[in-house]
C-alpha atoms as a PDB file:
ATOM      1  CA  UNK A   1       0.000   0.000   0.000  1.00  0.00           C
ATOM      2  CA  UNK A   2       1.538   3.295  -1.035  1.00  0.00           C
ATOM      3  CA  UNK A   3       1.181   6.652   0.710  1.00  0.00           C
ATOM      4  CA  UNK A   4      -1.713   7.825  -1.444  1.00  0.00           C
ATOM      5  CA  UNK A   5      -3.726   4.652  -0.742  1.00  0.00           C
ATOM      6  CA  UNK A   6      -3.046   4.911   2.999  1.00  0.00           C
ATOM      7  CA  UNK A   7      -4.142   8.559   3.042  1.00  0.00           C
ATOM      8  CA  UNK A   8      -7.343   7.741   1.155  1.00  0.00           C
ATOM      9  CA  UNK A   9      -8.136   4.802   3.458  1.00  0.00           C
ATOM     10  CA  UNK A  10      -7.597   6.958   6.541  1.00  0.00           C
ATOM     11  CA  UNK A  11      -9.887   9.698   5.172  1.00  0.00           C
ATOM     12  CA  UNK A  12     -12.572   7.158   4.289  1.00  0.00           C
ATOM     13  CA  UNK A  13     -12.444   5.692   7.804  1.00  0.00           C
ATOM     14  CA  UNK A  14     -12.708   9.157   9.362  1.00  0.00           C
ATOM     15  CA  UNK A  15     -15.703   9.987   7.160  1.00  0.00           C
ATOM     16  CA  UNK A  16     -17.428   6.697   7.993  1.00  0.00           C
ATOM     17  CA  UNK A  17     -16.850   7.205  11.728  1.00  0.00           C
ATOM     18  CA  UNK A  18     -18.979  10.373  11.622  1.00  0.00           C
ATOM     19  CA  UNK A  19     -22.198   8.372  11.157  1.00  0.00           C
ATOM     20  CA  UNK A  20     -24.148   5.520  12.712  1.00  0.00           C
ATOM     21  CA  UNK A  21     -26.593   3.528  10.587  1.00  0.00           C
ATOM     22  CA  UNK A  22     -29.386   1.480  12.116  1.00  0.00           C
ATOM     23  CA  UNK A  23     -32.819  -0.014  11.570  1.00  0.00           C
ATOM     24  CA  UNK A  24     -35.532   0.804  14.086  1.00  0.00           C
ATOM     25  CA  UNK A  25     -38.593  -1.413  14.452  1.00  0.00           C
ATOM     26  CA  UNK A  26     -41.721  -0.660  16.439  1.00  0.00           C
ATOM     27  CA  UNK A  27     -45.261   0.590  16.405  1.00  0.00           C
ATOM     28  CA  UNK A  28     -45.905   3.616  14.193  1.00  0.00           C
ATOM     29  CA  UNK A  29     -46.067   5.826  17.287  1.00  0.00           C
ATOM     30  CA  UNK A  30     -42.733   4.556  18.630  1.00  0.00           C
ATOM     31  CA  UNK A  31     -40.965   4.888  15.286  1.00  0.00           C
ATOM     32  CA  UNK A  32     -42.360   8.393  14.819  1.00  0.00           C
ATOM     33  CA  UNK A  33     -41.213   9.451  18.289  1.00  0.00           C
ATOM     34  CA  UNK A  34     -37.670   8.161  17.684  1.00  0.00           C
ATOM     35  CA  UNK A  35     -37.402   9.908  14.317  1.00  0.00           C
ATOM     36  CA  UNK A  36     -38.792  13.143  15.781  1.00  0.00           C
ATOM     37  CA  UNK A  37     -36.295  13.062  18.659  1.00  0.00           C
ATOM     38  CA  UNK A  38     -33.346  12.367  16.335  1.00  0.00           C
ATOM     39  CA  UNK A  39     -34.440  15.213  14.070  1.00  0.00           C
ATOM     40  CA  UNK A  40     -34.914  17.641  16.971  1.00  0.00           C
ATOM     41  CA  UNK A  41     -31.456  16.837  18.340  1.00  0.00           C
ATOM     42  CA  UNK A  42     -29.795  17.562  14.983  1.00  0.00           C
ATOM     43  CA  UNK A  43     -28.413  14.040  14.629  1.00  0.00           C
ATOM     44  CA  UNK A  44     -30.716  12.798  11.865  1.00  0.00           C
ATOM     45  CA  UNK A  45     -29.102  12.758   8.427  1.00  0.00           C
ATOM     46  CA  UNK A  46     -31.475  10.400   6.589  1.00  0.00           C
ATOM     47  CA  UNK A  47     -34.614   8.416   7.359  1.00  0.00           C
ATOM     48  CA  UNK A  48     -36.178   5.951   4.938  1.00  0.00           C
ATOM     49  CA  UNK A  49     -39.898   5.690   4.359  1.00  0.00           C
ATOM     50  CA  UNK A  50     -41.700   3.463   6.875  1.00  0.00           C
ATOM     51  CA  UNK A  51     -42.110  -0.171   5.774  1.00  0.00           C
ATOM     52  CA  UNK A  52     -44.306  -2.836   7.289  1.00  0.00           C
ATOM     53  CA  UNK A  53     -42.344  -5.682   8.878  1.00  0.00           C
ATOM     54  CA  UNK A  54     -44.817  -8.242   7.492  1.00  0.00           C
ATOM     55  CA  UNK A  55     -48.504  -8.567   6.687  1.00  0.00           C
ATOM     56  CA  UNK A  56     -49.277 -10.234  10.006  1.00  0.00           C
ATOM     57  CA  UNK A  57     -47.054  -7.954  12.094  1.00  0.00           C
ATOM     58  CA  UNK A  58     -48.435  -4.448  12.846  1.00  0.00           C
ATOM     59  CA  UNK A  59     -44.939  -3.028  13.439  1.00  0.00           C
ATOM     60  CA  UNK A  60     -43.017  -0.813  11.028  1.00  0.00           C
ATOM     61  CA  UNK A  61     -39.310  -0.401  10.368  1.00  0.00           C
ATOM     62  CA  UNK A  62     -37.193   2.519   9.189  1.00  0.00           C
ATOM     63  CA  UNK A  63     -33.552   2.895   8.294  1.00  0.00           C
ATOM     64  CA  UNK A  64     -31.827   5.831   9.997  1.00  0.00           C
ATOM     65  CA  UNK A  65     -28.463   7.443   9.410  1.00  0.00           C
ATOM     66  CA  UNK A  66     -27.362   9.533  12.390  1.00  0.00           C
ATOM     67  CA  UNK A  67     -24.397  11.783  13.076  1.00  0.00           C
ATOM     68  CA  UNK A  68     -22.215  10.571  15.939  1.00  0.00           C
ATOM     69  CA  UNK A  69     -21.935  14.150  17.248  1.00  0.00           C
ATOM     70  CA  UNK A  70     -24.308  17.135  16.910  1.00  0.00           C
ATOM     71  CA  UNK A  71     -23.457  19.969  14.523  1.00  0.00           C
END
């Protein structure tokens, strides 16, 4: 690995460390409350549209991308 590759890998790792990605699963009210809190705190970067877990299961899931530190 040459110097340029090492520098690029280090920068990519630093960029990736700025975010946490997770799936949240719960009732619509719970999911909405979590997304609202993340948005109000300034940590929310991206939230997917709500998806049903399954036809039989009333819960929903959403993908969230959060900053590891507030702006």
